[in-house]
């Protein structure tokens, strides 16, 4: 069940894309949070999926949350992410932190930050292989397929290579 805030995140995202004249489409589907299953429902390649991970970065005087986005067919290197953010350790946030900072449940987090305490970073590999990216849009039963260049232009993520080789 999607929280009320999750529904608001979905509408806020659609409004943002409309405001910036993005090239996108919304797809309604069964509520699925797993990358492989939702890619099949969307009819997109797994690598087009923009997987958003809420991470905590600590150490070296750093203590912050980062929304780290990468291709769904890649695994994150939390060590590389921590180093890129000048920290010594990165870990995944708890479900409570995810809901507090994104308004979404795991699997529904879009690759956009609407919270001032949440920095947005994206692995450049996400932008190199496909003209469009796909992601759950604040709800497990709604996805957005968005032109990659429009995502970069509108979201403006800091580009950091953190996928595992």
C-alpha atoms as a PDB file:
ATOM      1  CA  UNK A   1       0.000   0.000   0.000  1.00  0.00           C
ATOM      2  CA  UNK A   2       1.403   3.384  -1.005  1.00  0.00           C
ATOM      3  CA  UNK A   3       1.542   6.063   1.652  1.00  0.00           C
ATOM      4  CA  UNK A   4      -0.197   9.367   1.062  1.00  0.00           C
ATOM      5  CA  UNK A   5       3.208  11.042   0.875  1.00  0.00           C
ATOM      6  CA  UNK A   6       4.253   8.530  -1.835  1.00  0.00           C
ATOM      7  CA  UNK A   7       1.234   9.559  -3.887  1.00  0.00           C
ATOM      8  CA  UNK A   8       2.255  13.191  -3.401  1.00  0.00           C
ATOM      9  CA  UNK A   9       5.798  12.369  -4.549  1.00  0.00           C
ATOM     10  CA  UNK A  10       4.381  10.812  -7.716  1.00  0.00           C
ATOM     11  CA  UNK A  11       2.323  13.923  -8.480  1.00  0.00           C
ATOM     12  CA  UNK A  12       5.197  16.228  -7.573  1.00  0.00           C
ATOM     13  CA  UNK A  13       7.424  14.325  -9.994  1.00  0.00           C
ATOM     14  CA  UNK A  14       4.885  14.480 -12.848  1.00  0.00           C
ATOM     15  CA  UNK A  15       4.396  18.215 -12.188  1.00  0.00           C
ATOM     16  CA  UNK A  16       8.170  18.781 -12.263  1.00  0.00           C
ATOM     17  CA  UNK A  17       8.523  16.930 -15.578  1.00  0.00           C
ATOM     18  CA  UNK A  18       5.611  18.884 -17.078  1.00  0.00           C
ATOM     19  CA  UNK A  19       7.034  22.185 -15.860  1.00  0.00           C
ATOM     20  CA  UNK A  20      10.346  21.414 -17.589  1.00  0.00           C
ATOM     21  CA  UNK A  21       8.706  20.042 -20.761  1.00  0.00           C
ATOM     22  CA  UNK A  22      10.345  16.652 -20.341  1.00  0.00           C
ATOM     23  CA  UNK A  23       9.842  13.833 -22.799  1.00  0.00           C
ATOM     24  CA  UNK A  24       8.320  11.078 -20.671  1.00  0.00           C
ATOM     25  CA  UNK A  25       5.451   8.655 -20.262  1.00  0.00           C
ATOM     26  CA  UNK A  26       3.776   7.116 -17.215  1.00  0.00           C
ATOM     27  CA  UNK A  27       3.084   3.392 -17.158  1.00  0.00           C
ATOM     28  CA  UNK A  28       0.646   1.773 -14.724  1.00  0.00           C
ATOM     29  CA  UNK A  29       1.477  -1.815 -13.766  1.00  0.00           C
ATOM     30  CA  UNK A  30       1.239  -4.392 -11.000  1.00  0.00           C
ATOM     31  CA  UNK A  31       2.903  -3.145  -7.779  1.00  0.00           C
ATOM     32  CA  UNK A  32       6.389  -4.614  -8.047  1.00  0.00           C
ATOM     33  CA  UNK A  33       9.580  -3.376  -6.397  1.00  0.00           C
ATOM     34  CA  UNK A  34      12.125  -5.772  -7.902  1.00  0.00           C
ATOM     35  CA  UNK A  35      14.142  -4.419 -10.833  1.00  0.00           C
ATOM     36  CA  UNK A  36      13.966  -7.518 -13.045  1.00  0.00           C
ATOM     37  CA  UNK A  37      10.206  -7.975 -12.655  1.00  0.00           C
ATOM     38  CA  UNK A  38       9.308  -4.326 -13.198  1.00  0.00           C
ATOM     39  CA  UNK A  39      11.571  -4.090 -16.279  1.00  0.00           C
ATOM     40  CA  UNK A  40       9.582  -6.917 -17.840  1.00  0.00           C
ATOM     41  CA  UNK A  41       6.291  -5.163 -17.024  1.00  0.00           C
ATOM     42  CA  UNK A  42       7.572  -1.897 -18.515  1.00  0.00           C
ATOM     43  CA  UNK A  43       8.981  -3.561 -21.616  1.00  0.00           C
ATOM     44  CA  UNK A  44      12.394  -1.995 -21.004  1.00  0.00           C
ATOM     45  CA  UNK A  45      15.913  -3.381 -20.706  1.00  0.00           C
ATOM     46  CA  UNK A  46      17.152  -3.980 -17.157  1.00  0.00           C
ATOM     47  CA  UNK A  47      20.023  -1.539 -17.774  1.00  0.00           C
ATOM     48  CA  UNK A  48      17.535   1.274 -18.453  1.00  0.00           C
ATOM     49  CA  UNK A  49      16.275   1.019 -14.892  1.00  0.00           C
ATOM     50  CA  UNK A  50      17.424   3.858 -12.653  1.00  0.00           C
ATOM     51  CA  UNK A  51      17.881   2.147  -9.285  1.00  0.00           C
ATOM     52  CA  UNK A  52      17.846   4.701  -6.445  1.00  0.00           C
ATOM     53  CA  UNK A  53      19.606   3.709  -3.219  1.00  0.00           C
ATOM     54  CA  UNK A  54      19.384   5.832  -0.095  1.00  0.00           C
ATOM     55  CA  UNK A  55      22.812   5.652   1.535  1.00  0.00           C
ATOM     56  CA  UNK A  56      24.404   6.987   4.690  1.00  0.00           C
ATOM     57  CA  UNK A  57      27.963   8.287   4.289  1.00  0.00           C
ATOM     58  CA  UNK A  58      30.115   8.505   7.422  1.00  0.00           C
ATOM     59  CA  UNK A  59      33.713   8.999   8.496  1.00  0.00           C
ATOM     60  CA  UNK A  60      36.435  11.601   7.933  1.00  0.00           C
ATOM     61  CA  UNK A  61      34.149  14.193   9.521  1.00  0.00           C
ATOM     62  CA  UNK A  62      31.365  13.421   7.024  1.00  0.00           C
ATOM     63  CA  UNK A  63      27.854  12.435   8.063  1.00  0.00           C
ATOM     64  CA  UNK A  64      25.237  12.777   5.339  1.00  0.00           C
ATOM     65  CA  UNK A  65      22.572  10.993   3.320  1.00  0.00           C
ATOM     66  CA  UNK A  66      22.931  10.524  -0.411  1.00  0.00           C
ATOM     67  CA  UNK A  67      20.431   9.297  -2.985  1.00  0.00           C
ATOM     68  CA  UNK A  68      22.713   7.249  -5.223  1.00  0.00           C
ATOM     69  CA  UNK A  69      21.330   6.276  -8.639  1.00  0.00           C
ATOM     70  CA  UNK A  70      22.744   3.616 -10.936  1.00  0.00           C
ATOM     71  CA  UNK A  71      21.701   1.229 -13.687  1.00  0.00           C
ATOM     72  CA  UNK A  72      19.521  -1.591 -12.365  1.00  0.00           C
ATOM     73  CA  UNK A  73      21.784  -4.177 -14.003  1.00  0.00           C
ATOM     74  CA  UNK A  74      24.763  -3.048 -11.883  1.00  0.00           C
ATOM     75  CA  UNK A  75      25.660  -3.423  -8.240  1.00  0.00           C
ATOM     76  CA  UNK A  76      26.789  -0.439  -6.195  1.00  0.00           C
ATOM     77  CA  UNK A  77      30.255  -0.257  -4.715  1.00  0.00           C
ATOM     78  CA  UNK A  78      29.534   1.396  -1.393  1.00  0.00           C
ATOM     79  CA  UNK A  79      33.287   1.736  -0.850  1.00  0.00           C
ATOM     80  CA  UNK A  80      33.647   3.750  -4.068  1.00  0.00           C
ATOM     81  CA  UNK A  81      30.601   5.839  -3.178  1.00  0.00           C
ATOM     82  CA  UNK A  82      31.959   6.633   0.295  1.00  0.00           C
ATOM     83  CA  UNK A  83      35.344   7.642  -1.155  1.00  0.00           C
ATOM     84  CA  UNK A  84      33.726   9.875  -3.784  1.00  0.00           C
ATOM     85  CA  UNK A  85      31.734  11.624  -1.029  1.00  0.00           C
ATOM     86  CA  UNK A  86      34.907  12.077   1.120  1.00  0.00           C
ATOM     87  CA  UNK A  87      33.645   9.591   3.697  1.00  0.00           C
ATOM     88  CA  UNK A  88      35.195   6.336   4.861  1.00  0.00           C
ATOM     89  CA  UNK A  89      32.049   4.198   4.997  1.00  0.00           C
ATOM     90  CA  UNK A  90      28.711   3.978   3.187  1.00  0.00           C
ATOM     91  CA  UNK A  91      25.715   1.857   4.127  1.00  0.00           C
ATOM     92  CA  UNK A  92      22.116   1.547   3.040  1.00  0.00           C
ATOM     93  CA  UNK A  93      19.623   3.572   5.046  1.00  0.00           C
ATOM     94  CA  UNK A  94      16.918   1.959   7.160  1.00  0.00           C
ATOM     95  CA  UNK A  95      13.306   1.727   5.949  1.00  0.00           C
ATOM     96  CA  UNK A  96      12.386   4.508   8.408  1.00  0.00           C
ATOM     97  CA  UNK A  97      15.101   6.789   7.007  1.00  0.00           C
ATOM     98  CA  UNK A  98      13.993   5.966   3.462  1.00  0.00           C
ATOM     99  CA  UNK A  99      10.417   6.991   4.208  1.00  0.00           C
ATOM    100  CA  UNK A 100      11.463  10.106   6.158  1.00  0.00           C
ATOM    101  CA  UNK A 101      13.809  11.421   3.430  1.00  0.00           C
ATOM    102  CA  UNK A 102      12.004  10.276   0.271  1.00  0.00           C
ATOM    103  CA  UNK A 103       8.365   9.779   1.266  1.00  0.00           C
ATOM    104  CA  UNK A 104       8.546   6.377  -0.439  1.00  0.00           C
ATOM    105  CA  UNK A 105       8.956   2.715   0.408  1.00  0.00           C
ATOM    106  CA  UNK A 106      11.912   0.640  -0.831  1.00  0.00           C
ATOM    107  CA  UNK A 107      11.493  -0.039  -4.534  1.00  0.00           C
ATOM    108  CA  UNK A 108       9.384   3.053  -5.216  1.00  0.00           C
ATOM    109  CA  UNK A 109      12.095   5.707  -4.801  1.00  0.00           C
ATOM    110  CA  UNK A 110      12.450   7.848  -7.922  1.00  0.00           C
ATOM    111  CA  UNK A 111      15.916   9.123  -8.929  1.00  0.00           C
ATOM    112  CA  UNK A 112      15.055  12.660  -7.798  1.00  0.00           C
ATOM    113  CA  UNK A 113      15.648  14.302  -4.425  1.00  0.00           C
ATOM    114  CA  UNK A 114      12.867  16.462  -3.027  1.00  0.00           C
ATOM    115  CA  UNK A 115      14.456  16.741   0.442  1.00  0.00           C
ATOM    116  CA  UNK A 116      17.047  19.451   1.213  1.00  0.00           C
ATOM    117  CA  UNK A 117      19.130  17.047   3.350  1.00  0.00           C
ATOM    118  CA  UNK A 118      19.389  14.467   0.550  1.00  0.00           C
ATOM    119  CA  UNK A 119      22.170  14.920  -2.019  1.00  0.00           C
ATOM    120  CA  UNK A 120      21.653  13.363  -5.459  1.00  0.00           C
ATOM    121  CA  UNK A 121      24.438  11.479  -7.223  1.00  0.00           C
ATOM    122  CA  UNK A 122      24.234   9.259 -10.288  1.00  0.00           C
ATOM    123  CA  UNK A 123      26.651   6.821 -11.897  1.00  0.00           C
ATOM    124  CA  UNK A 124      27.463   8.121 -15.417  1.00  0.00           C
ATOM    125  CA  UNK A 125      27.069   4.605 -16.858  1.00  0.00           C
ATOM    126  CA  UNK A 126      23.304   5.106 -16.471  1.00  0.00           C
ATOM    127  CA  UNK A 127      23.421   7.825 -19.138  1.00  0.00           C
ATOM    128  CA  UNK A 128      25.791   6.192 -21.620  1.00  0.00           C
ATOM    129  CA  UNK A 129      23.829   3.195 -22.930  1.00  0.00           C
ATOM    130  CA  UNK A 130      20.191   4.181 -23.470  1.00  0.00           C
ATOM    131  CA  UNK A 131      18.238   7.209 -24.735  1.00  0.00           C
ATOM    132  CA  UNK A 132      15.618   6.640 -22.026  1.00  0.00           C
ATOM    133  CA  UNK A 133      15.728   5.622 -18.372  1.00  0.00           C
ATOM    134  CA  UNK A 134      12.888   3.975 -16.442  1.00  0.00           C
ATOM    135  CA  UNK A 135      12.039   4.086 -12.758  1.00  0.00           C
ATOM    136  CA  UNK A 136       9.276   3.587 -10.223  1.00  0.00           C
ATOM    137  CA  UNK A 137       7.786   6.992  -9.668  1.00  0.00           C
ATOM    138  CA  UNK A 138       7.054   7.297  -5.956  1.00  0.00           C
ATOM    139  CA  UNK A 139       4.665   4.336  -6.123  1.00  0.00           C
ATOM    140  CA  UNK A 140       5.196   0.646  -6.748  1.00  0.00           C
ATOM    141  CA  UNK A 141       2.390   0.605  -9.340  1.00  0.00           C
ATOM    142  CA  UNK A 142       3.581   3.538 -11.494  1.00  0.00           C
ATOM    143  CA  UNK A 143       6.719   3.879 -13.575  1.00  0.00           C
ATOM    144  CA  UNK A 144       8.052   6.727 -15.631  1.00  0.00           C
ATOM    145  CA  UNK A 145      10.095   6.297 -18.765  1.00  0.00           C
ATOM    146  CA  UNK A 146      12.041   9.526 -19.250  1.00  0.00           C
ATOM    147  CA  UNK A 147      14.423  10.745 -21.931  1.00  0.00           C
ATOM    148  CA  UNK A 148      17.924  10.448 -20.433  1.00  0.00           C
ATOM    149  CA  UNK A 149      19.000  13.968 -21.439  1.00  0.00           C
ATOM    150  CA  UNK A 150      15.886  15.404 -19.791  1.00  0.00           C
ATOM    151  CA  UNK A 151      16.686  13.556 -16.561  1.00  0.00           C
ATOM    152  CA  UNK A 152      20.207  14.985 -16.453  1.00  0.00           C
ATOM    153  CA  UNK A 153      18.928  18.480 -17.282  1.00  0.00           C
ATOM    154  CA  UNK A 154      16.096  18.489 -14.721  1.00  0.00           C
ATOM    155  CA  UNK A 155      17.501  16.459 -11.810  1.00  0.00           C
ATOM    156  CA  UNK A 156      21.085  17.728 -12.181  1.00  0.00           C
ATOM    157  CA  UNK A 157      22.734  14.859 -10.296  1.00  0.00           C
ATOM    158  CA  UNK A 158      26.381  15.020  -9.359  1.00  0.00           C
ATOM    159  CA  UNK A 159      27.978  12.354 -11.563  1.00  0.00           C
ATOM    160  CA  UNK A 160      30.057   9.881  -9.586  1.00  0.00           C
ATOM    161  CA  UNK A 161      31.236   6.490 -10.810  1.00  0.00           C
ATOM    162  CA  UNK A 162      30.341   3.988  -8.070  1.00  0.00           C
ATOM    163  CA  UNK A 163      29.220   0.815  -9.851  1.00  0.00           C
ATOM    164  CA  UNK A 164      31.068  -2.380  -8.989  1.00  0.00           C
ATOM    165  CA  UNK A 165      33.156  -3.825 -11.811  1.00  0.00           C
END
